[in-house]
């Protein structure tokens, strides 16, 4: 199961969480993994939702299934 690292760019869509299905899918820049206890296979990510021009538009903490993330390594 892939786990993103700080600095990674991640596509968050329906496979990671139903709240990001269809038009609600986002690109997300990970800044940290809070490390909070959770269910097996799920993780919390802290970072920035990115806009159309790849600018940070909102800082968020999201709860997702790690296996459903599409990770673009940037380091």
N, C-alpha and C. Protein backbone atom coordinates (compact mmCIF):
# COMPACT_ATOMS: atom_id res chain seq x y z
N UNK A 1 0.85 -1.18 0.00
CA UNK A 1 0.00 0.00 0.00
C UNK A 1 0.90 1.24 0.00
N UNK A 2 0.74 2.08 -0.99
CA UNK A 2 1.58 3.29 -1.06
C UNK A 2 1.16 4.33 -0.03
N UNK A 3 2.13 4.90 0.63
CA UNK A 3 1.88 5.97 1.60
C UNK A 3 2.60 7.22 1.09
N UNK A 4 1.87 8.31 0.90
CA UNK A 4 2.53 9.53 0.45
C UNK A 4 3.45 10.10 1.52
N UNK A 5 4.39 10.90 1.07
CA UNK A 5 5.35 11.55 1.96
C UNK A 5 5.21 13.06 1.81
N UNK A 6 5.68 13.81 2.80
CA UNK A 6 5.64 15.27 2.66
C UNK A 6 6.32 15.71 1.37
N UNK A 7 5.66 16.60 0.65
CA UNK A 7 6.16 17.09 -0.63
C UNK A 7 5.52 16.40 -1.83
N UNK A 8 4.91 15.23 -1.61
CA UNK A 8 4.28 14.51 -2.72
C UNK A 8 3.02 15.22 -3.20
N UNK A 9 2.77 15.10 -4.48
CA UNK A 9 1.54 15.56 -5.10
C UNK A 9 0.64 14.33 -5.25
N UNK A 10 -0.61 14.44 -4.79
CA UNK A 10 -1.50 13.29 -4.74
C UNK A 10 -2.82 13.63 -5.41
N UNK A 11 -3.31 12.72 -6.24
CA UNK A 11 -4.66 12.85 -6.82
C UNK A 11 -5.59 12.12 -5.87
N UNK A 12 -6.57 12.83 -5.37
CA UNK A 12 -7.54 12.26 -4.44
C UNK A 12 -8.89 12.22 -5.15
N UNK A 13 -9.38 11.02 -5.42
CA UNK A 13 -10.64 10.84 -6.14
C UNK A 13 -11.48 9.78 -5.40
N UNK A 14 -12.52 9.28 -6.07
CA UNK A 14 -13.47 8.35 -5.45
C UNK A 14 -12.82 7.11 -4.88
N UNK A 15 -11.75 6.62 -5.48
CA UNK A 15 -11.09 5.41 -4.98
C UNK A 15 -10.49 5.63 -3.59
N UNK A 16 -10.19 6.87 -3.24
CA UNK A 16 -9.64 7.20 -1.93
C UNK A 16 -10.72 7.53 -0.91
N UNK A 17 -11.81 8.14 -1.38
CA UNK A 17 -12.92 8.51 -0.50
C UNK A 17 -14.10 8.97 -1.35
N UNK A 18 -15.29 8.54 -0.98
CA UNK A 18 -16.47 8.92 -1.75
C UNK A 18 -16.71 10.42 -1.77
N UNK A 19 -16.19 11.13 -0.77
CA UNK A 19 -16.39 12.58 -0.76
C UNK A 19 -15.65 13.28 -1.90
N UNK A 20 -14.72 12.56 -2.57
CA UNK A 20 -13.96 13.14 -3.68
C UNK A 20 -14.34 12.51 -5.02
N UNK A 21 -15.55 12.01 -5.14
CA UNK A 21 -16.02 11.36 -6.37
C UNK A 21 -16.32 12.40 -7.46
N UNK A 22 -16.13 11.98 -8.70
CA UNK A 22 -16.50 12.79 -9.85
C UNK A 22 -15.83 14.14 -9.90
N UNK A 23 -16.64 15.19 -10.01
CA UNK A 23 -16.15 16.56 -10.11
C UNK A 23 -15.47 17.05 -8.83
N UNK A 24 -15.62 16.32 -7.75
CA UNK A 24 -15.04 16.74 -6.48
C UNK A 24 -13.62 16.23 -6.25
N UNK A 25 -13.07 15.50 -7.23
CA UNK A 25 -11.68 15.03 -7.12
C UNK A 25 -10.75 16.24 -7.04
N UNK A 26 -9.65 16.07 -6.29
CA UNK A 26 -8.71 17.19 -6.10
C UNK A 26 -7.27 16.74 -6.27
N UNK A 27 -6.41 17.71 -6.53
CA UNK A 27 -4.96 17.52 -6.42
C UNK A 27 -4.58 18.08 -5.07
N UNK A 28 -3.69 17.37 -4.37
CA UNK A 28 -3.37 17.69 -2.99
C UNK A 28 -1.86 17.60 -2.78
N UNK A 29 -1.26 18.65 -2.21
CA UNK A 29 0.17 18.66 -1.87
C UNK A 29 0.30 18.31 -0.39
N UNK A 30 0.93 17.17 -0.10
CA UNK A 30 1.07 16.70 1.27
C UNK A 30 2.16 17.49 1.99
N UNK A 31 1.84 17.99 3.19
CA UNK A 31 2.87 18.65 3.99
C UNK A 31 3.24 17.81 5.21
N UNK A 32 2.29 17.00 5.70
CA UNK A 32 2.64 16.08 6.79
C UNK A 32 1.57 15.01 6.93
N UNK A 33 1.96 13.92 7.57
CA UNK A 33 1.04 12.86 7.94
C UNK A 33 0.89 12.94 9.46
N UNK A 34 -0.27 13.38 9.96
CA UNK A 34 -0.43 13.59 11.38
C UNK A 34 -0.15 12.36 12.25
N UNK A 35 -0.34 11.15 11.70
CA UNK A 35 -0.04 9.95 12.46
C UNK A 35 -1.09 9.57 13.49
N UNK A 36 -2.30 10.08 13.32
CA UNK A 36 -3.37 9.76 14.25
C UNK A 36 -3.81 8.32 14.05
N UNK A 37 -4.20 7.65 15.12
CA UNK A 37 -4.72 6.28 15.03
C UNK A 37 -5.99 6.27 14.20
N UNK A 38 -6.12 5.23 13.37
CA UNK A 38 -7.28 5.13 12.51
C UNK A 38 -7.49 3.67 12.12
N UNK A 39 -8.42 3.44 11.21
CA UNK A 39 -8.71 2.09 10.73
C UNK A 39 -7.60 1.61 9.80
N UNK A 40 -7.44 0.29 9.72
CA UNK A 40 -6.43 -0.30 8.83
C UNK A 40 -6.67 0.16 7.39
N UNK A 41 -5.61 0.64 6.75
CA UNK A 41 -5.69 1.05 5.35
C UNK A 41 -6.11 2.50 5.13
N UNK A 42 -6.47 3.17 6.19
CA UNK A 42 -6.87 4.58 6.07
C UNK A 42 -5.83 5.46 6.75
N UNK A 43 -5.67 6.67 6.21
CA UNK A 43 -4.68 7.60 6.76
C UNK A 43 -5.24 9.02 6.75
N UNK A 44 -4.66 9.84 7.60
CA UNK A 44 -4.93 11.28 7.61
C UNK A 44 -3.78 11.95 6.87
N UNK A 45 -4.11 12.92 6.03
CA UNK A 45 -3.11 13.73 5.32
C UNK A 45 -3.37 15.19 5.62
N UNK A 46 -2.32 15.93 5.87
CA UNK A 46 -2.41 17.37 6.08
C UNK A 46 -1.68 18.03 4.93
N UNK A 47 -2.31 19.01 4.31
CA UNK A 47 -1.67 19.66 3.17
C UNK A 47 -2.54 20.72 2.54
N UNK A 48 -2.28 20.95 1.27
CA UNK A 48 -2.99 22.00 0.54
C UNK A 48 -3.70 21.44 -0.68
N UNK A 49 -4.97 21.81 -0.83
CA UNK A 49 -5.70 21.54 -2.06
C UNK A 49 -5.17 22.52 -3.09
N UNK A 50 -4.92 22.03 -4.30
CA UNK A 50 -4.35 22.87 -5.35
C UNK A 50 -5.41 23.27 -6.36
N UNK A 51 -5.29 24.49 -6.88
CA UNK A 51 -6.22 24.99 -7.87
C UNK A 51 -5.76 24.68 -9.29
N UNK A 52 -6.46 25.25 -10.26
CA UNK A 52 -6.19 25.01 -11.68
C UNK A 52 -4.78 25.40 -12.10
N UNK A 53 -4.21 26.40 -11.46
CA UNK A 53 -2.86 26.86 -11.80
C UNK A 53 -1.82 26.31 -10.83
N UNK A 54 -2.18 25.22 -10.12
CA UNK A 54 -1.31 24.53 -9.17
C UNK A 54 -0.98 25.38 -7.95
N UNK A 55 -1.76 26.42 -7.70
CA UNK A 55 -1.56 27.24 -6.52
C UNK A 55 -2.33 26.64 -5.34
N UNK A 56 -1.82 26.84 -4.14
CA UNK A 56 -2.52 26.37 -2.95
C UNK A 56 -3.75 27.23 -2.75
N UNK A 57 -4.93 26.59 -2.69
CA UNK A 57 -6.15 27.36 -2.51
C UNK A 57 -6.78 27.17 -1.13
N UNK A 58 -6.44 26.04 -0.47
CA UNK A 58 -7.00 25.82 0.86
C UNK A 58 -6.17 24.77 1.60
N UNK A 59 -5.84 25.08 2.84
CA UNK A 59 -5.17 24.07 3.67
C UNK A 59 -6.24 23.16 4.24
N UNK A 60 -5.98 21.84 4.17
CA UNK A 60 -6.97 20.87 4.61
C UNK A 60 -6.29 19.70 5.30
N UNK A 61 -7.06 19.02 6.12
CA UNK A 61 -6.68 17.72 6.66
C UNK A 61 -7.76 16.76 6.18
N UNK A 62 -7.33 15.71 5.47
CA UNK A 62 -8.30 14.79 4.86
C UNK A 62 -8.05 13.37 5.35
N UNK A 63 -9.11 12.56 5.32
CA UNK A 63 -9.10 11.17 5.77
C UNK A 63 -9.41 10.31 4.56
N UNK A 64 -8.48 9.45 4.15
CA UNK A 64 -8.61 8.70 2.90
C UNK A 64 -8.12 7.26 3.03
N UNK A 65 -8.47 6.44 2.04
CA UNK A 65 -7.92 5.10 1.90
C UNK A 65 -6.61 5.22 1.13
N UNK A 66 -5.52 4.80 1.73
CA UNK A 66 -4.21 4.95 1.09
C UNK A 66 -4.14 4.25 -0.25
N UNK A 67 -4.75 3.08 -0.38
CA UNK A 67 -4.67 2.31 -1.62
C UNK A 67 -5.34 3.04 -2.79
N UNK A 68 -6.26 3.95 -2.53
CA UNK A 68 -6.97 4.67 -3.58
C UNK A 68 -6.30 5.94 -4.05
N UNK A 69 -5.18 6.30 -3.45
CA UNK A 69 -4.48 7.53 -3.84
C UNK A 69 -3.60 7.30 -5.07
N UNK A 70 -3.51 8.30 -5.90
CA UNK A 70 -2.55 8.29 -7.02
C UNK A 70 -1.45 9.27 -6.66
N UNK A 71 -0.28 8.75 -6.36
CA UNK A 71 0.82 9.57 -5.85
C UNK A 71 1.80 9.90 -6.98
N UNK A 72 2.13 11.20 -7.10
CA UNK A 72 3.16 11.65 -8.02
C UNK A 72 4.34 12.06 -7.15
N UNK A 73 5.40 11.28 -7.19
CA UNK A 73 6.58 11.59 -6.37
C UNK A 73 7.23 12.88 -6.87
N UNK A 74 7.61 13.73 -5.94
CA UNK A 74 8.24 14.98 -6.33
C UNK A 74 9.63 15.13 -5.75
N UNK A 75 10.07 14.16 -4.98
CA UNK A 75 11.41 14.21 -4.40
C UNK A 75 12.22 13.03 -4.85
